[in-house]
């Protein structure tokens, strides 16, 4: 259950980086 929560937090983090183009 904790893993799913961490994945939910990682998803927005990656989307934010993609928007910033810092990937």
PDB file of N, CA and C in Angstrom:
ATOM      1  N   UNK A   1       0.859  -1.205   0.000  1.00  0.00           N
ATOM      2  CA  UNK A   1       0.000   0.000   0.000  1.00  0.00           C
ATOM      3  C   UNK A   1       0.893   1.253   0.000  1.00  0.00           C
ATOM      4  N   UNK A   2       1.963   1.193   0.782  1.00  0.00           N
ATOM      5  CA  UNK A   2       2.861   2.357   0.848  1.00  0.00           C
ATOM      6  C   UNK A   2       3.549   2.552  -0.498  1.00  0.00           C
ATOM      7  N   UNK A   3       3.807   1.440  -1.168  1.00  0.00           N
ATOM      8  CA  UNK A   3       4.499   1.531  -2.471  1.00  0.00           C
ATOM      9  C   UNK A   3       3.615   2.267  -3.479  1.00  0.00           C
ATOM     10  N   UNK A   4       2.323   1.998  -3.419  1.00  0.00           N
ATOM     11  CA  UNK A   4       1.404   2.656  -4.362  1.00  0.00           C
ATOM     12  C   UNK A   4       1.369   4.157  -4.073  1.00  0.00           C
ATOM     13  N   UNK A   5       1.434   4.497  -2.808  1.00  0.00           N
ATOM     14  CA  UNK A   5       1.392   5.926  -2.433  1.00  0.00           C
ATOM     15  C   UNK A   5       2.660   6.617  -2.929  1.00  0.00           C
ATOM     16  N   UNK A   6       3.785   5.918  -2.814  1.00  0.00           N
ATOM     17  CA  UNK A   6       5.071   6.487  -3.264  1.00  0.00           C
ATOM     18  C   UNK A   6       5.036   6.666  -4.774  1.00  0.00           C
ATOM     19  N   UNK A   7       4.424   5.711  -5.471  1.00  0.00           N
ATOM     20  CA  UNK A   7       4.357   5.797  -6.939  1.00  0.00           C
ATOM     21  C   UNK A   7       3.475   6.983  -7.339  1.00  0.00           C
ATOM     22  N   UNK A   8       2.427   7.210  -6.560  1.00  0.00           N
ATOM     23  CA  UNK A   8       1.520   8.330  -6.861  1.00  0.00           C
ATOM     24  C   UNK A   8       2.264   9.647  -6.687  1.00  0.00           C
ATOM     25  N   UNK A   9       3.198   9.688  -5.758  1.00  0.00           N
ATOM     26  CA  UNK A   9       3.954  10.924  -5.513  1.00  0.00           C
ATOM     27  C   UNK A   9       5.035  11.071  -6.584  1.00  0.00           C
ATOM     28  N   UNK A  10       5.556   9.942  -7.037  1.00  0.00           N
ATOM     29  CA  UNK A  10       6.640   9.986  -8.038  1.00  0.00           C
ATOM     30  C   UNK A  10       6.071  10.410  -9.397  1.00  0.00           C
ATOM     31  N   UNK A  11       4.859  10.014  -9.686  1.00  0.00           N
ATOM     32  CA  UNK A  11       4.246  10.334 -10.989  1.00  0.00           C
ATOM     33  C   UNK A  11       4.190  11.860 -11.187  1.00  0.00           C
ATOM     34  N   UNK A  12       3.630  12.600 -10.229  1.00  0.00           N
ATOM     35  CA  UNK A  12       3.560  14.060 -10.379  1.00  0.00           C
ATOM     36  C   UNK A  12       4.956  14.687 -10.402  1.00  0.00           C
ATOM     37  N   UNK A  13       5.892  14.057  -9.722  1.00  0.00           N
ATOM     38  CA  UNK A  13       7.273  14.581  -9.684  1.00  0.00           C
ATOM     39  C   UNK A  13       7.874  14.478 -11.082  1.00  0.00           C
ATOM     40  N   UNK A  14       7.644  13.364 -11.745  1.00  0.00           N
ATOM     41  CA  UNK A  14       8.198  13.154 -13.093  1.00  0.00           C
ATOM     42  C   UNK A  14       7.481  14.088 -14.072  1.00  0.00           C
ATOM     43  N   UNK A  15       6.165  14.232 -13.886  1.00  0.00           N
ATOM     44  CA  UNK A  15       5.396  15.109 -14.800  1.00  0.00           C
ATOM     45  C   UNK A  15       5.885  16.548 -14.645  1.00  0.00           C
ATOM     46  N   UNK A  16       6.256  16.914 -13.435  1.00  0.00           N
ATOM     47  CA  UNK A  16       6.726  18.289 -13.185  1.00  0.00           C
ATOM     48  C   UNK A  16       8.074  18.487 -13.887  1.00  0.00           C
ATOM     49  N   UNK A  17       8.918  17.464 -13.816  1.00  0.00           N
ATOM     50  CA  UNK A  17      10.252  17.563 -14.446  1.00  0.00           C
ATOM     51  C   UNK A  17      10.087  17.637 -15.957  1.00  0.00           C
ATOM     52  N   UNK A  18       9.138  16.889 -16.483  1.00  0.00           N
ATOM     53  CA  UNK A  18       8.918  16.896 -17.936  1.00  0.00           C
ATOM     54  C   UNK A  18       8.461  18.275 -18.373  1.00  0.00           C
ATOM     55  N   UNK A  19       7.628  18.905 -17.560  1.00  0.00           N
ATOM     56  CA  UNK A  19       7.129  20.259 -17.893  1.00  0.00           C
ATOM     57  C   UNK A  19       8.290  21.244 -17.850  1.00  0.00           C
ATOM     58  N   UNK A  20       9.171  21.049 -16.905  1.00  0.00           N
ATOM     59  CA  UNK A  20      10.325  21.954 -16.760  1.00  0.00           C
ATOM     60  C   UNK A  20      11.387  21.627 -17.812  1.00  0.00           C
ATOM     61  N   UNK A  21      11.323  20.375 -18.306  1.00  0.00           N
ATOM     62  CA  UNK A  21      12.317  19.969 -19.297  1.00  0.00           C
ATOM     63  C   UNK A  21      13.669  19.773 -18.647  1.00  0.00           C
ATOM     64  N   UNK A  22      13.663  19.385 -17.379  1.00  0.00           N
ATOM     65  CA  UNK A  22      14.940  19.196 -16.662  1.00  0.00           C
ATOM     66  C   UNK A  22      15.318  17.718 -16.725  1.00  0.00           C
ATOM     67  N   UNK A  23      14.477  16.905 -17.374  1.00  0.00           N
ATOM     68  CA  UNK A  23      14.770  15.472 -17.439  1.00  0.00           C
ATOM     69  C   UNK A  23      16.014  15.336 -18.293  1.00  0.00           C
TER      70      UNK A  23
END
